[in-house]
């Protein structure tokens, strides 16, 4: 039903530069950087983070102007070195929401937000 390798997530930012720098610093793959968006690879998915003031599609502007862009969505991604990533995020404009803990399904994980308020759960299998 769904075509593989053709799906991606679109998020919005008010500050493309700090968003780009945050993801670059934590070691995410920067696939594309343009004046109005940055495409970031994390694990098996891509994030297209668009400068909210440049959204050309009228129907999408309600999403771009949201005051709570992070909402309740959480992006999960497995990592190779959870301690290193935790330290990297701690020293950037990201916000740590939990310390590293062992969850109930056999992984260590922590929760954080990027500079725009988007939530991530990074985990490493034990």
PDB file of N, CA and C in Angstrom:
ATOM      1  N   UNK A   1       0.808  -1.198   0.000  1.00  0.00           N
ATOM      2  CA  UNK A   1       0.000   0.000   0.000  1.00  0.00           C
ATOM      3  C   UNK A   1       0.852   1.263   0.000  1.00  0.00           C
ATOM      4  N   UNK A   2       1.851   1.318   0.864  1.00  0.00           N
ATOM      5  CA  UNK A   2       2.689   2.504   0.938  1.00  0.00           C
ATOM      6  C   UNK A   2       3.992   2.271   0.187  1.00  0.00           C
ATOM      7  N   UNK A   3       4.425   3.259  -0.556  1.00  0.00           N
ATOM      8  CA  UNK A   3       5.680   3.175  -1.291  1.00  0.00           C
ATOM      9  C   UNK A   3       6.831   3.481  -0.363  1.00  0.00           C
ATOM     10  N   UNK A   4       7.811   2.611  -0.331  1.00  0.00           N
ATOM     11  CA  UNK A   4       8.964   2.825   0.536  1.00  0.00           C
ATOM     12  C   UNK A   4       9.892   3.880  -0.056  1.00  0.00           C
ATOM     13  N   UNK A   5      10.626   4.525   0.822  1.00  0.00           N
ATOM     14  CA  UNK A   5      11.621   5.529   0.446  1.00  0.00           C
ATOM     15  C   UNK A   5      11.032   6.763  -0.221  1.00  0.00           C
ATOM     16  N   UNK A   6       9.739   7.005  -0.014  1.00  0.00           N
ATOM     17  CA  UNK A   6       9.156   8.208  -0.592  1.00  0.00           C
ATOM     18  C   UNK A   6       8.434   9.041   0.460  1.00  0.00           C
ATOM     19  N   UNK A   7       8.501   8.625   1.707  1.00  0.00           N
ATOM     20  CA  UNK A   7       7.821   9.353   2.767  1.00  0.00           C
ATOM     21  C   UNK A   7       8.803  10.223   3.524  1.00  0.00           C
ATOM     22  N   UNK A   8       8.317  11.364   4.016  1.00  0.00           N
ATOM     23  CA  UNK A   8       9.147  12.254   4.816  1.00  0.00           C
ATOM     24  C   UNK A   8       8.245  13.094   5.697  1.00  0.00           C
ATOM     25  N   UNK A   9       8.840  13.743   6.678  1.00  0.00           N
ATOM     26  CA  UNK A   9       8.104  14.588   7.604  1.00  0.00           C
ATOM     27  C   UNK A   9       8.455  16.046   7.340  1.00  0.00           C
ATOM     28  N   UNK A  10       7.440  16.911   7.356  1.00  0.00           N
ATOM     29  CA  UNK A  10       7.667  18.340   7.193  1.00  0.00           C
ATOM     30  C   UNK A  10       7.390  19.013   8.530  1.00  0.00           C
ATOM     31  N   UNK A  11       8.358  19.794   8.986  1.00  0.00           N
ATOM     32  CA  UNK A  11       8.245  20.574  10.206  1.00  0.00           C
ATOM     33  C   UNK A  11       8.570  22.021   9.856  1.00  0.00           C
ATOM     34  N   UNK A  12       8.270  22.932  10.774  1.00  0.00           N
ATOM     35  CA  UNK A  12       8.503  24.350  10.510  1.00  0.00           C
ATOM     36  C   UNK A  12       9.382  24.960  11.585  1.00  0.00           C
ATOM     37  N   UNK A  13      10.095  26.006  11.193  1.00  0.00           N
ATOM     38  CA  UNK A  13      10.963  26.719  12.117  1.00  0.00           C
ATOM     39  C   UNK A  13      10.880  28.213  11.862  1.00  0.00           C
ATOM     40  N   UNK A  14      11.136  28.972  12.903  1.00  0.00           N
ATOM     41  CA  UNK A  14      11.259  30.426  12.765  1.00  0.00           C
ATOM     42  C   UNK A  14      12.707  30.824  12.540  1.00  0.00           C
ATOM     43  N   UNK A  15      13.636  29.923  12.850  1.00  0.00           N
ATOM     44  CA  UNK A  15      15.066  30.230  12.758  1.00  0.00           C
ATOM     45  C   UNK A  15      15.793  29.064  12.102  1.00  0.00           C
ATOM     46  N   UNK A  16      15.927  29.140  10.790  1.00  0.00           N
ATOM     47  CA  UNK A  16      16.540  28.061  10.024  1.00  0.00           C
ATOM     48  C   UNK A  16      18.005  27.858  10.409  1.00  0.00           C
ATOM     49  N   UNK A  17      18.728  28.931  10.686  1.00  0.00           N
ATOM     50  CA  UNK A  17      20.136  28.808  11.021  1.00  0.00           C
ATOM     51  C   UNK A  17      20.350  28.021  12.311  1.00  0.00           C
ATOM     52  N   UNK A  18      19.633  28.352  13.379  1.00  0.00           N
ATOM     53  CA  UNK A  18      19.836  27.621  14.638  1.00  0.00           C
ATOM     54  C   UNK A  18      19.362  26.178  14.509  1.00  0.00           C
ATOM     55  N   UNK A  19      18.325  25.942  13.715  1.00  0.00           N
ATOM     56  CA  UNK A  19      17.858  24.576  13.473  1.00  0.00           C
ATOM     57  C   UNK A  19      18.938  23.771  12.757  1.00  0.00           C
ATOM     58  N   UNK A  20      19.497  24.336  11.703  1.00  0.00           N
ATOM     59  CA  UNK A  20      20.567  23.676  10.957  1.00  0.00           C
ATOM     60  C   UNK A  20      21.760  23.391  11.859  1.00  0.00           C
ATOM     61  N   UNK A  21      22.195  24.377  12.619  1.00  0.00           N
ATOM     62  CA  UNK A  21      23.357  24.214  13.499  1.00  0.00           C
ATOM     63  C   UNK A  21      23.112  23.144  14.559  1.00  0.00           C
ATOM     64  N   UNK A  22      21.922  23.103  15.134  1.00  0.00           N
ATOM     65  CA  UNK A  22      21.582  22.095  16.140  1.00  0.00           C
ATOM     66  C   UNK A  22      21.746  20.694  15.579  1.00  0.00           C
ATOM     67  N   UNK A  23      21.116  20.426  14.440  1.00  0.00           N
ATOM     68  CA  UNK A  23      21.163  19.080  13.877  1.00  0.00           C
ATOM     69  C   UNK A  23      22.557  18.719  13.383  1.00  0.00           C
ATOM     70  N   UNK A  24      23.272  19.668  12.841  1.00  0.00           N
ATOM     71  CA  UNK A  24      24.654  19.423  12.418  1.00  0.00           C
ATOM     72  C   UNK A  24      25.511  19.047  13.624  1.00  0.00           C
ATOM     73  N   UNK A  25      25.354  19.780  14.710  1.00  0.00           N
ATOM     74  CA  UNK A  25      26.168  19.568  15.902  1.00  0.00           C
ATOM     75  C   UNK A  25      25.917  18.204  16.538  1.00  0.00           C
ATOM     76  N   UNK A  26      24.663  17.741  16.524  1.00  0.00           N
ATOM     77  CA  UNK A  26      24.392  16.450  17.154  1.00  0.00           C
ATOM     78  C   UNK A  26      24.700  15.276  16.223  1.00  0.00           C
ATOM     79  N   UNK A  27      25.185  15.540  15.024  1.00  0.00           N
ATOM     80  CA  UNK A  27      25.630  14.482  14.126  1.00  0.00           C
ATOM     81  C   UNK A  27      24.591  13.950  13.168  1.00  0.00           C
ATOM     82  N   UNK A  28      23.465  14.641  13.023  1.00  0.00           N
ATOM     83  CA  UNK A  28      22.472  14.217  12.038  1.00  0.00           C
ATOM     84  C   UNK A  28      23.015  14.514  10.640  1.00  0.00           C
ATOM     85  N   UNK A  29      22.575  13.748   9.662  1.00  0.00           N
ATOM     86  CA  UNK A  29      23.017  13.959   8.284  1.00  0.00           C
ATOM     87  C   UNK A  29      22.267  15.153   7.694  1.00  0.00           C
ATOM     88  N   UNK A  30      23.018  16.152   7.246  1.00  0.00           N
ATOM     89  CA  UNK A  30      22.412  17.301   6.566  1.00  0.00           C
ATOM     90  C   UNK A  30      22.392  16.954   5.084  1.00  0.00           C
ATOM     91  N   UNK A  31      21.220  16.615   4.576  1.00  0.00           N
ATOM     92  CA  UNK A  31      21.095  16.172   3.190  1.00  0.00           C
ATOM     93  C   UNK A  31      20.983  17.337   2.218  1.00  0.00           C
ATOM     94  N   UNK A  32      20.399  18.439   2.680  1.00  0.00           N
ATOM     95  CA  UNK A  32      20.228  19.594   1.807  1.00  0.00           C
ATOM     96  C   UNK A  32      20.051  20.825   2.677  1.00  0.00           C
ATOM     97  N   UNK A  33      20.670  21.918   2.273  1.00  0.00           N
ATOM     98  CA  UNK A  33      20.475  23.191   2.959  1.00  0.00           C
ATOM     99  C   UNK A  33      20.190  24.239   1.903  1.00  0.00           C
ATOM    100  N   UNK A  34      19.029  24.847   2.007  1.00  0.00           N
ATOM    101  CA  UNK A  34      18.616  25.903   1.087  1.00  0.00           C
ATOM    102  C   UNK A  34      18.250  27.135   1.908  1.00  0.00           C
ATOM    103  N   UNK A  35      17.947  28.212   1.248  1.00  0.00           N
ATOM    104  CA  UNK A  35      17.628  29.441   1.974  1.00  0.00           C
ATOM    105  C   UNK A  35      16.333  29.341   2.770  1.00  0.00           C
ATOM    106  N   UNK A  36      15.434  28.412   2.376  1.00  0.00           N
ATOM    107  CA  UNK A  36      14.149  28.305   3.061  1.00  0.00           C
ATOM    108  C   UNK A  36      13.905  26.954   3.718  1.00  0.00           C
ATOM    109  N   UNK A  37      14.870  26.011   3.633  1.00  0.00           N
ATOM    110  CA  UNK A  37      14.666  24.726   4.294  1.00  0.00           C
ATOM    111  C   UNK A  37      15.978  23.976   4.448  1.00  0.00           C
ATOM    112  N   UNK A  38      15.963  23.065   5.412  1.00  0.00           N
ATOM    113  CA  UNK A  38      17.063  22.139   5.605  1.00  0.00           C
ATOM    114  C   UNK A  38      16.447  20.739   5.650  1.00  0.00           C
ATOM    115  N   UNK A  39      17.084  19.797   4.959  1.00  0.00           N
ATOM    116  CA  UNK A  39      16.625  18.412   4.953  1.00  0.00           C
ATOM    117  C   UNK A  39      17.625  17.607   5.776  1.00  0.00           C
ATOM    118  N   UNK A  40      17.105  16.943   6.799  1.00  0.00           N
ATOM    119  CA  UNK A  40      17.931  16.246   7.768  1.00  0.00           C
ATOM    120  C   UNK A  40      17.581  14.770   7.759  1.00  0.00           C
ATOM    121  N   UNK A  41      18.592  13.928   7.737  1.00  0.00           N
ATOM    122  CA  UNK A  41      18.389  12.489   7.837  1.00  0.00           C
ATOM    123  C   UNK A  41      18.681  12.026   9.251  1.00  0.00           C
ATOM    124  N   UNK A  42      17.705  11.361   9.862  1.00  0.00           N
ATOM    125  CA  UNK A  42      17.873  10.773  11.190  1.00  0.00           C
ATOM    126  C   UNK A  42      17.385   9.339  11.099  1.00  0.00           C
ATOM    127  N   UNK A  43      18.300   8.407  11.272  1.00  0.00           N
ATOM    128  CA  UNK A  43      17.901   7.001  11.169  1.00  0.00           C
ATOM    129  C   UNK A  43      17.324   6.718   9.797  1.00  0.00           C
ATOM    130  N   UNK A  44      16.116   6.186   9.776  1.00  0.00           N
ATOM    131  CA  UNK A  44      15.465   5.812   8.519  1.00  0.00           C
ATOM    132  C   UNK A  44      14.489   6.850   7.985  1.00  0.00           C
ATOM    133  N   UNK A  45      14.487   8.060   8.554  1.00  0.00           N
ATOM    134  CA  UNK A  45      13.540   9.044   8.052  1.00  0.00           C
ATOM    135  C   UNK A  45      14.205  10.389   7.833  1.00  0.00           C
ATOM    136  N   UNK A  46      13.575  11.177   6.982  1.00  0.00           N
ATOM    137  CA  UNK A  46      14.041  12.524   6.683  1.00  0.00           C
ATOM    138  C   UNK A  46      13.070  13.532   7.276  1.00  0.00           C
ATOM    139  N   UNK A  47      13.641  14.610   7.785  1.00  0.00           N
ATOM    140  CA  UNK A  47      12.860  15.755   8.221  1.00  0.00           C
ATOM    141  C   UNK A  47      13.127  16.897   7.256  1.00  0.00           C
ATOM    142  N   UNK A  48      12.090  17.452   6.692  1.00  0.00           N
ATOM    143  CA  UNK A  48      12.196  18.649   5.868  1.00  0.00           C
ATOM    144  C   UNK A  48      11.745  19.788   6.761  1.00  0.00           C
ATOM    145  N   UNK A  49      12.685  20.576   7.256  1.00  0.00           N
ATOM    146  CA  UNK A  49      12.341  21.664   8.163  1.00  0.00           C
ATOM    147  C   UNK A  49      12.356  22.961   7.365  1.00  0.00           C
ATOM    148  N   UNK A  50      11.170  23.558   7.262  1.00  0.00           N
ATOM    149  CA  UNK A  50      10.926  24.694   6.371  1.00  0.00           C
ATOM    150  C   UNK A  50      10.815  25.974   7.191  1.00  0.00           C
ATOM    151  N   UNK A  51      11.410  27.029   6.694  1.00  0.00           N
ATOM    152  CA  UNK A  51      11.275  28.349   7.310  1.00  0.00           C
ATOM    153  C   UNK A  51       9.808  28.748   7.222  1.00  0.00           C
ATOM    154  N   UNK A  52       9.161  28.928   8.378  1.00  0.00           N
ATOM    155  CA  UNK A  52       7.703  29.104   8.403  1.00  0.00           C
ATOM    156  C   UNK A  52       7.215  30.300   7.595  1.00  0.00           C
ATOM    157  N   UNK A  53       8.002  31.352   7.516  1.00  0.00           N
ATOM    158  CA  UNK A  53       7.566  32.551   6.788  1.00  0.00           C
ATOM    159  C   UNK A  53       7.599  32.370   5.271  1.00  0.00           C
ATOM    160  N   UNK A  54       8.141  31.255   4.791  1.00  0.00           N
ATOM    161  CA  UNK A  54       8.245  31.043   3.347  1.00  0.00           C
ATOM    162  C   UNK A  54       7.292  29.976   2.816  1.00  0.00           C
ATOM    163  N   UNK A  55       6.417  29.433   3.651  1.00  0.00           N
ATOM    164  CA  UNK A  55       5.477  28.403   3.205  1.00  0.00           C
ATOM    165  C   UNK A  55       4.603  28.956   2.077  1.00  0.00           C
ATOM    166  N   UNK A  56       4.720  28.377   0.858  1.00  0.00           N
ATOM    167  CA  UNK A  56       3.989  28.919  -0.287  1.00  0.00           C
ATOM    168  C   UNK A  56       2.553  28.403  -0.421  1.00  0.00           C
ATOM    169  N   UNK A  57       2.229  27.287   0.228  1.00  0.00           N
ATOM    170  CA  UNK A  57       0.917  26.680   0.066  1.00  0.00           C
ATOM    171  C   UNK A  57      -0.042  27.256   1.104  1.00  0.00           C
ATOM    172  N   UNK A  58      -1.064  27.925   0.635  1.00  0.00           N
ATOM    173  CA  UNK A  58      -2.007  28.606   1.533  1.00  0.00           C
ATOM    174  C   UNK A  58      -2.599  27.656   2.572  1.00  0.00           C
ATOM    175  N   UNK A  59      -2.969  26.451   2.148  1.00  0.00           N
ATOM    176  CA  UNK A  59      -3.591  25.491   3.056  1.00  0.00           C
ATOM    177  C   UNK A  59      -2.647  25.048   4.181  1.00  0.00           C
ATOM    178  N   UNK A  60      -1.336  25.139   3.957  1.00  0.00           N
ATOM    179  CA  UNK A  60      -0.356  24.709   4.960  1.00  0.00           C
ATOM    180  C   UNK A  60       0.008  25.813   5.940  1.00  0.00           C
ATOM    181  N   UNK A  61      -0.346  27.043   5.635  1.00  0.00           N
ATOM    182  CA  UNK A  61       0.073  28.158   6.489  1.00  0.00           C
ATOM    183  C   UNK A  61      -0.443  28.030   7.913  1.00  0.00           C
ATOM    184  N   UNK A  62      -1.590  27.394   8.114  1.00  0.00           N
ATOM    185  CA  UNK A  62      -2.095  27.187   9.465  1.00  0.00           C
ATOM    186  C   UNK A  62      -1.139  26.290  10.255  1.00  0.00           C
ATOM    187  N   UNK A  63      -0.503  25.349   9.600  1.00  0.00           N
ATOM    188  CA  UNK A  63       0.476  24.488  10.264  1.00  0.00           C
ATOM    189  C   UNK A  63       1.765  25.240  10.555  1.00  0.00           C
ATOM    190  N   UNK A  64       2.182  26.062   9.619  1.00  0.00           N
ATOM    191  CA  UNK A  64       3.445  26.791   9.755  1.00  0.00           C
ATOM    192  C   UNK A  64       3.378  27.832  10.852  1.00  0.00           C
ATOM    193  N   UNK A  65       2.196  28.345  11.135  1.00  0.00           N
ATOM    194  CA  UNK A  65       2.085  29.422  12.114  1.00  0.00           C
ATOM    195  C   UNK A  65       1.713  28.928  13.508  1.00  0.00           C
ATOM    196  N   UNK A  66       1.680  27.644  13.710  1.00  0.00           N
ATOM    197  CA  UNK A  66       1.309  27.082  15.004  1.00  0.00           C
ATOM    198  C   UNK A  66       2.216  27.608  16.107  1.00  0.00           C
ATOM    199  N   UNK A  67       1.621  27.964  17.226  1.00  0.00           N
ATOM    200  CA  UNK A  67       2.426  28.451  18.350  1.00  0.00           C
ATOM    201  C   UNK A  67       3.012  27.306  19.156  1.00  0.00           C
ATOM    202  N   UNK A  68       2.533  26.100  18.940  1.00  0.00           N
ATOM    203  CA  UNK A  68       3.073  24.938  19.637  1.00  0.00           C
ATOM    204  C   UNK A  68       3.473  23.897  18.605  1.00  0.00           C
ATOM    205  N   UNK A  69       4.511  24.207  17.854  1.00  0.00           N
ATOM    206  CA  UNK A  69       4.914  23.336  16.756  1.00  0.00           C
ATOM    207  C   UNK A  69       5.223  21.924  17.211  1.00  0.00           C
ATOM    208  N   UNK A  70       5.765  21.775  18.404  1.00  0.00           N
ATOM    209  CA  UNK A  70       6.135  20.452  18.899  1.00  0.00           C
ATOM    210  C   UNK A  70       4.939  19.569  19.183  1.00  0.00           C
ATOM    211  N   UNK A  71       3.860  20.157  19.670  1.00  0.00           N
ATOM    212  CA  UNK A  71       2.652  19.393  19.960  1.00  0.00           C
ATOM    213  C   UNK A  71       2.943  18.139  20.764  1.00  0.00           C
ATOM    214  N   UNK A  72       2.193  17.100  20.502  1.00  0.00           N
ATOM    215  CA  UNK A  72       2.342  15.854  21.242  1.00  0.00           C
ATOM    216  C   UNK A  72       3.069  14.788  20.437  1.00  0.00           C
ATOM    217  N   UNK A  73       3.505  15.096  19.232  1.00  0.00           N
ATOM    218  CA  UNK A  73       4.219  14.112  18.419  1.00  0.00           C
ATOM    219  C   UNK A  73       5.624  13.891  18.970  1.00  0.00           C
ATOM    220  N   UNK A  74       6.065  12.634  18.966  1.00  0.00           N
ATOM    221  CA  UNK A  74       7.423  12.297  19.390  1.00  0.00           C
ATOM    222  C   UNK A  74       8.057  11.487  18.264  1.00  0.00           C
ATOM    223  N   UNK A  75       9.245  11.887  17.842  1.00  0.00           N
ATOM    224  CA  UNK A  75       9.996  11.151  16.836  1.00  0.00           C
ATOM    225  C   UNK A  75      10.985  10.240  17.565  1.00  0.00           C
ATOM    226  N   UNK A  76      10.918   8.935  17.287  1.00  0.00           N
ATOM    227  CA  UNK A  76      11.817   7.965  17.903  1.00  0.00           C
ATOM    228  C   UNK A  76      12.926   7.620  16.927  1.00  0.00           C
ATOM    229  N   UNK A  77      14.152   7.527  17.448  1.00  0.00           N
ATOM    230  CA  UNK A  77      15.268   7.137  16.604  1.00  0.00           C
ATOM    231  C   UNK A  77      16.301   6.390  17.436  1.00  0.00           C
ATOM    232  N   UNK A  78      16.751   5.255  16.918  1.00  0.00           N
ATOM    233  CA  UNK A  78      17.798   4.479  17.589  1.00  0.00           C
ATOM    234  C   UNK A  78      19.151   5.112  17.298  1.00  0.00           C
ATOM    235  N   UNK A  79      20.025   5.106  18.292  1.00  0.00           N
ATOM    236  CA  UNK A  79      21.359   5.689  18.154  1.00  0.00           C
ATOM    237  C   UNK A  79      22.408   4.675  18.590  1.00  0.00           C
ATOM    238  N   UNK A  80      23.645   4.925  18.166  1.00  0.00           N
ATOM    239  CA  UNK A  80      24.757   4.034  18.512  1.00  0.00           C
ATOM    240  C   UNK A  80      25.383   4.368  19.858  1.00  0.00           C
ATOM    241  N   UNK A  81      25.386   5.644  20.235  1.00  0.00           N
ATOM    242  CA  UNK A  81      26.029   6.057  21.481  1.00  0.00           C
ATOM    243  C   UNK A  81      25.142   7.083  22.178  1.00  0.00           C
ATOM    244  N   UNK A  82      24.281   6.601  23.030  1.00  0.00           N
ATOM    245  CA  UNK A  82      23.288   7.470  23.671  1.00  0.00           C
ATOM    246  C   UNK A  82      23.940   8.495  24.590  1.00  0.00           C
ATOM    247  N   UNK A  83      25.015   8.120  25.272  1.00  0.00           N
ATOM    248  CA  UNK A  83      25.675   9.050  26.185  1.00  0.00           C
ATOM    249  C   UNK A  83      26.303  10.223  25.447  1.00  0.00           C
ATOM    250  N   UNK A  84      26.924   9.954  24.308  1.00  0.00           N
ATOM    251  CA  UNK A  84      27.538  11.021  23.513  1.00  0.00           C
ATOM    252  C   UNK A  84      26.483  11.977  22.971  1.00  0.00           C
ATOM    253  N   UNK A  85      25.393  11.420  22.444  1.00  0.00           N
ATOM    254  CA  UNK A  85      24.329  12.271  21.910  1.00  0.00           C
ATOM    255  C   UNK A  85      23.704  13.117  23.019  1.00  0.00           C
ATOM    256  N   UNK A  86      23.483  12.520  24.178  1.00  0.00           N
ATOM    257  CA  UNK A  86      22.923  13.263  25.311  1.00  0.00           C
ATOM    258  C   UNK A  86      23.797  14.471  25.638  1.00  0.00           C
ATOM    259  N   UNK A  87      25.117  14.264  25.714  1.00  0.00           N
ATOM    260  CA  UNK A  87      26.045  15.365  26.014  1.00  0.00           C
ATOM    261  C   UNK A  87      26.019  16.424  24.921  1.00  0.00           C
ATOM    262  N   UNK A  88      25.944  16.000  23.657  1.00  0.00           N
ATOM    263  CA  UNK A  88      25.896  16.953  22.542  1.00  0.00           C
ATOM    264  C   UNK A  88      24.642  17.820  22.610  1.00  0.00           C
ATOM    265  N   UNK A  89      23.509  17.196  22.860  1.00  0.00           N
ATOM    266  CA  UNK A  89      22.259  17.954  22.918  1.00  0.00           C
ATOM    267  C   UNK A  89      22.247  18.873  24.127  1.00  0.00           C
ATOM    268  N   UNK A  90      22.785  18.384  25.228  1.00  0.00           N
ATOM    269  CA  UNK A  90      22.848  19.179  26.449  1.00  0.00           C
ATOM    270  C   UNK A  90      23.630  20.477  26.239  1.00  0.00           C
ATOM    271  N   UNK A  91      24.624  20.456  25.351  1.00  0.00           N
ATOM    272  CA  UNK A  91      25.472  21.629  25.139  1.00  0.00           C
ATOM    273  C   UNK A  91      25.019  22.506  23.971  1.00  0.00           C
ATOM    274  N   UNK A  92      23.837  22.232  23.406  1.00  0.00           N
ATOM    275  CA  UNK A  92      23.304  23.044  22.304  1.00  0.00           C
ATOM    276  C   UNK A  92      22.054  23.772  22.764  1.00  0.00           C
ATOM    277  N   UNK A  93      21.309  24.289  21.793  1.00  0.00           N
ATOM    278  CA  UNK A  93      20.041  24.953  22.099  1.00  0.00           C
ATOM    279  C   UNK A  93      18.906  23.957  22.276  1.00  0.00           C
ATOM    280  N   UNK A  94      19.226  22.667  22.261  1.00  0.00           N
ATOM    281  CA  UNK A  94      18.209  21.655  22.525  1.00  0.00           C
ATOM    282  C   UNK A  94      17.868  21.651  24.002  1.00  0.00           C
ATOM    283  N   UNK A  95      16.738  21.049  24.327  1.00  0.00           N
ATOM    284  CA  UNK A  95      16.293  21.002  25.720  1.00  0.00           C
ATOM    285  C   UNK A  95      16.124  19.541  26.129  1.00  0.00           C
ATOM    286  N   UNK A  96      16.842  19.135  27.163  1.00  0.00           N
ATOM    287  CA  UNK A  96      16.719  17.784  27.684  1.00  0.00           C
ATOM    288  C   UNK A  96      15.439  17.714  28.517  1.00  0.00           C
ATOM    289  N   UNK A  97      14.575  16.746  28.222  1.00  0.00           N
ATOM    290  CA  UNK A  97      13.323  16.582  28.954  1.00  0.00           C
ATOM    291  C   UNK A  97      13.392  15.460  29.975  1.00  0.00           C
ATOM    292  N   UNK A  98      14.362  14.552  29.833  1.00  0.00           N
ATOM    293  CA  UNK A  98      14.551  13.479  30.813  1.00  0.00           C
ATOM    294  C   UNK A  98      16.009  13.056  30.791  1.00  0.00           C
ATOM    295  N   UNK A  99      16.455  12.550  31.904  1.00  0.00           N
ATOM    296  CA  UNK A  99      17.772  11.934  31.955  1.00  0.00           C
ATOM    297  C   UNK A  99      17.705  10.616  31.194  1.00  0.00           C
ATOM    298  N   UNK A 100      18.843  10.005  30.926  1.00  0.00           N
ATOM    299  CA  UNK A 100      18.861   8.680  30.297  1.00  0.00           C
ATOM    300  C   UNK A 100      18.315   7.674  31.312  1.00  0.00           C
ATOM    301  N   UNK A 101      17.397   6.850  30.881  1.00  0.00           N
ATOM    302  CA  UNK A 101      16.818   5.832  31.761  1.00  0.00           C
ATOM    303  C   UNK A 101      16.607   4.555  30.964  1.00  0.00           C
ATOM    304  N   UNK A 102      16.492   3.427  31.667  1.00  0.00           N
ATOM    305  CA  UNK A 102      16.193   2.150  31.032  1.00  0.00           C
ATOM    306  C   UNK A 102      14.685   1.991  30.976  1.00  0.00           C
ATOM    307  N   UNK A 103      14.167   1.850  29.753  1.00  0.00           N
ATOM    308  CA  UNK A 103      12.723   1.729  29.597  1.00  0.00           C
ATOM    309  C   UNK A 103      12.270   0.277  29.760  1.00  0.00           C
ATOM    310  N   UNK A 104      11.000   0.035  29.608  1.00  0.00           N
ATOM    311  CA  UNK A 104      10.433  -1.298  29.838  1.00  0.00           C
ATOM    312  C   UNK A 104      10.583  -2.252  28.657  1.00  0.00           C
ATOM    313  N   UNK A 105      11.114  -1.811  27.540  1.00  0.00           N
ATOM    314  CA  UNK A 105      11.280  -2.702  26.396  1.00  0.00           C
ATOM    315  C   UNK A 105      12.740  -2.953  26.014  1.00  0.00           C
ATOM    316  N   UNK A 106      13.649  -2.808  26.993  1.00  0.00           N
ATOM    317  CA  UNK A 106      15.029  -3.231  26.793  1.00  0.00           C
ATOM    318  C   UNK A 106      15.956  -2.225  26.149  1.00  0.00           C
ATOM    319  N   UNK A 107      15.684  -0.966  26.340  1.00  0.00           N
ATOM    320  CA  UNK A 107      16.545   0.068  25.761  1.00  0.00           C
ATOM    321  C   UNK A 107      16.784   1.163  26.791  1.00  0.00           C
ATOM    322  N   UNK A 108      17.903   1.858  26.621  1.00  0.00           N
ATOM    323  CA  UNK A 108      18.142   3.100  27.348  1.00  0.00           C
ATOM    324  C   UNK A 108      17.644   4.210  26.444  1.00  0.00           C
ATOM    325  N   UNK A 109      17.003   5.214  27.025  1.00  0.00           N
ATOM    326  CA  UNK A 109      16.500   6.303  26.195  1.00  0.00           C
ATOM    327  C   UNK A 109      16.451   7.598  26.984  1.00  0.00           C
ATOM    328  N   UNK A 110      16.316   8.692  26.243  1.00  0.00           N
ATOM    329  CA  UNK A 110      16.044   9.987  26.855  1.00  0.00           C
ATOM    330  C   UNK A 110      15.172  10.791  25.910  1.00  0.00           C
ATOM    331  N   UNK A 111      14.485  11.752  26.477  1.00  0.00           N
ATOM    332  CA  UNK A 111      13.613  12.626  25.707  1.00  0.00           C
ATOM    333  C   UNK A 111      14.218  14.013  25.643  1.00  0.00           C
ATOM    334  N   UNK A 112      14.041  14.670  24.491  1.00  0.00           N
ATOM    335  CA  UNK A 112      14.551  16.027  24.335  1.00  0.00           C
ATOM    336  C   UNK A 112      13.695  16.773  23.332  1.00  0.00           C
ATOM    337  N   UNK A 113      13.942  18.086  23.242  1.00  0.00           N
ATOM    338  CA  UNK A 113      13.302  18.933  22.240  1.00  0.00           C
ATOM    339  C   UNK A 113      14.388  19.600  21.428  1.00  0.00           C
ATOM    340  N   UNK A 114      14.098  19.831  20.153  1.00  0.00           N
ATOM    341  CA  UNK A 114      14.997  20.636  19.344  1.00  0.00           C
ATOM    342  C   UNK A 114      14.690  22.110  19.621  1.00  0.00           C
ATOM    343  N   UNK A 115      15.410  23.048  19.003  1.00  0.00           N
ATOM    344  CA  UNK A 115      15.171  24.467  19.284  1.00  0.00           C
ATOM    345  C   UNK A 115      13.761  24.955  18.952  1.00  0.00           C
ATOM    346  N   UNK A 116      13.001  24.176  18.165  1.00  0.00           N
ATOM    347  CA  UNK A 116      11.645  24.565  17.779  1.00  0.00           C
ATOM    348  C   UNK A 116      10.568  23.944  18.663  1.00  0.00           C
ATOM    349  N   UNK A 117      10.953  23.088  19.595  1.00  0.00           N
ATOM    350  CA  UNK A 117       9.990  22.426  20.458  1.00  0.00           C
ATOM    351  C   UNK A 117       9.556  21.052  19.978  1.00  0.00           C
ATOM    352  N   UNK A 118      10.135  20.547  18.888  1.00  0.00           N
ATOM    353  CA  UNK A 118       9.810  19.200  18.432  1.00  0.00           C
ATOM    354  C   UNK A 118      10.452  18.188  19.371  1.00  0.00           C
ATOM    355  N   UNK A 119       9.695  17.143  19.709  1.00  0.00           N
ATOM    356  CA  UNK A 119      10.135  16.174  20.696  1.00  0.00           C
ATOM    357  C   UNK A 119      10.737  14.932  20.048  1.00  0.00           C
ATOM    358  N   UNK A 120      11.819  14.459  20.669  1.00  0.00           N
ATOM    359  CA  UNK A 120      12.506  13.266  20.203  1.00  0.00           C
ATOM    360  C   UNK A 120      12.745  12.330  21.375  1.00  0.00           C
ATOM    361  N   UNK A 121      12.644  11.046  21.111  1.00  0.00           N
ATOM    362  CA  UNK A 121      13.078  10.013  22.046  1.00  0.00           C
ATOM    363  C   UNK A 121      14.204   9.278  21.337  1.00  0.00           C
ATOM    364  N   UNK A 122      15.409   9.439  21.827  1.00  0.00           N
ATOM    365  CA  UNK A 122      16.560   8.730  21.283  1.00  0.00           C
ATOM    366  C   UNK A 122      16.817   7.531  22.191  1.00  0.00           C
ATOM    367  N   UNK A 123      17.055   6.361  21.595  1.00  0.00           N
ATOM    368  CA  UNK A 123      17.245   5.162  22.395  1.00  0.00           C
ATOM    369  C   UNK A 123      18.382   4.319  21.850  1.00  0.00           C
ATOM    370  N   UNK A 124      18.922   3.487  22.747  1.00  0.00           N
ATOM    371  CA  UNK A 124      19.971   2.535  22.398  1.00  0.00           C
ATOM    372  C   UNK A 124      19.604   1.220  23.071  1.00  0.00           C
ATOM    373  N   UNK A 125      19.564   0.151  22.295  1.00  0.00           N
ATOM    374  CA  UNK A 125      19.227  -1.148  22.847  1.00  0.00           C
ATOM    375  C   UNK A 125      20.308  -1.576  23.840  1.00  0.00           C
ATOM    376  N   UNK A 126      19.864  -2.180  24.927  1.00  0.00           N
ATOM    377  CA  UNK A 126      20.799  -2.632  25.976  1.00  0.00           C
ATOM    378  C   UNK A 126      21.328  -4.007  25.633  1.00  0.00           C
TER     379      UNK A 126
END
